Amino acid sequence: MLLFRWMLLLALLTSLVCFMFYAGTGNLRFRHYGWVVLKWALIAAFGFFAVLIMERVG
């Protein structure tokens, strides 16, 4: 559980750094990387919370 939280935090920070690089350089590649990492981080977070909810219900 703790490992998953750290991985999720690292993915969100990675996305933030990519967006900061995009803002600094204007290179569209960094914006694309930021969106891809953010998308997968949110999918993982929703999956994680779905498992937590299912544990509480069941």
Protein backbone atom coordinates (compact mmCIF):
# COMPACT_ATOMS: atom_id res chain seq x y z
CA MET A 1 0.00 0.00 0.00
CA LEU A 2 2.76 2.43 0.94
CA LEU A 3 4.72 1.52 -2.19
CA PHE A 4 1.71 2.23 -4.38
CA ARG A 5 1.20 5.63 -2.75
CA TRP A 6 4.83 6.56 -3.38
CA MET A 7 4.62 5.40 -6.99
CA LEU A 8 1.47 7.46 -7.52
CA LEU A 9 3.08 10.52 -5.95
CA LEU A 10 6.17 10.05 -8.11
CA ALA A 11 4.03 9.80 -11.26
CA LEU A 12 2.18 13.01 -10.38
CA LEU A 13 5.46 14.82 -9.67
CA THR A 14 6.87 13.55 -12.97
CA SER A 15 3.85 14.94 -14.78
CA LEU A 16 4.29 18.29 -13.01
CA VAL A 17 7.97 18.43 -14.00
CA CYS A 18 7.07 17.67 -17.62
CA PHE A 19 4.55 20.52 -17.65
CA MET A 20 7.14 22.84 -16.08
CA PHE A 21 9.64 21.90 -18.81
CA TYR A 22 6.95 22.60 -21.41
CA ALA A 23 6.28 26.01 -19.86
CA GLY A 24 9.99 26.78 -19.82
CA THR A 25 10.94 25.53 -23.26
CA GLY A 26 7.71 25.55 -25.26
CA ASN A 27 8.60 22.10 -26.60
CA LEU A 28 5.36 20.18 -27.29
CA ARG A 29 7.07 16.86 -26.53
CA PHE A 30 7.10 17.69 -22.80
CA ARG A 31 3.40 18.56 -22.81
CA HIS A 32 2.63 15.24 -24.47
CA TYR A 33 4.71 13.31 -21.91
CA GLY A 34 3.00 15.21 -19.09
CA TRP A 35 -0.48 14.31 -20.34
CA VAL A 36 0.43 10.65 -20.83
CA VAL A 37 1.91 10.31 -17.35
CA LEU A 38 -1.00 12.21 -15.78
CA LYS A 39 -3.54 10.02 -17.58
CA TRP A 40 -1.97 6.79 -16.33
CA ALA A 41 -1.50 8.18 -12.83
CA LEU A 42 -5.20 9.04 -12.63
CA ILE A 43 -6.21 5.63 -13.99
CA ALA A 44 -4.01 3.97 -11.36
CA ALA A 45 -5.45 6.19 -8.62
CA PHE A 46 -9.03 5.38 -9.60
CA GLY A 47 -8.18 1.68 -9.62
CA PHE A 48 -6.51 1.96 -6.22
CA PHE A 49 -9.49 3.71 -4.67
CA ALA A 50 -11.89 1.25 -6.29
CA VAL A 51 -10.04 -1.62 -4.60
CA LEU A 52 -10.16 0.23 -1.26
CA ILE A 53 -13.90 0.81 -1.61
CA MET A 54 -14.52 -2.81 -2.55
CA GLU A 55 -12.57 -3.96 0.53
CA ARG A 56 -14.74 -1.79 2.77
CA VAL A 57 -17.99 -2.97 1.16
CA GLY A 58 -17.12 -6.66 1.10
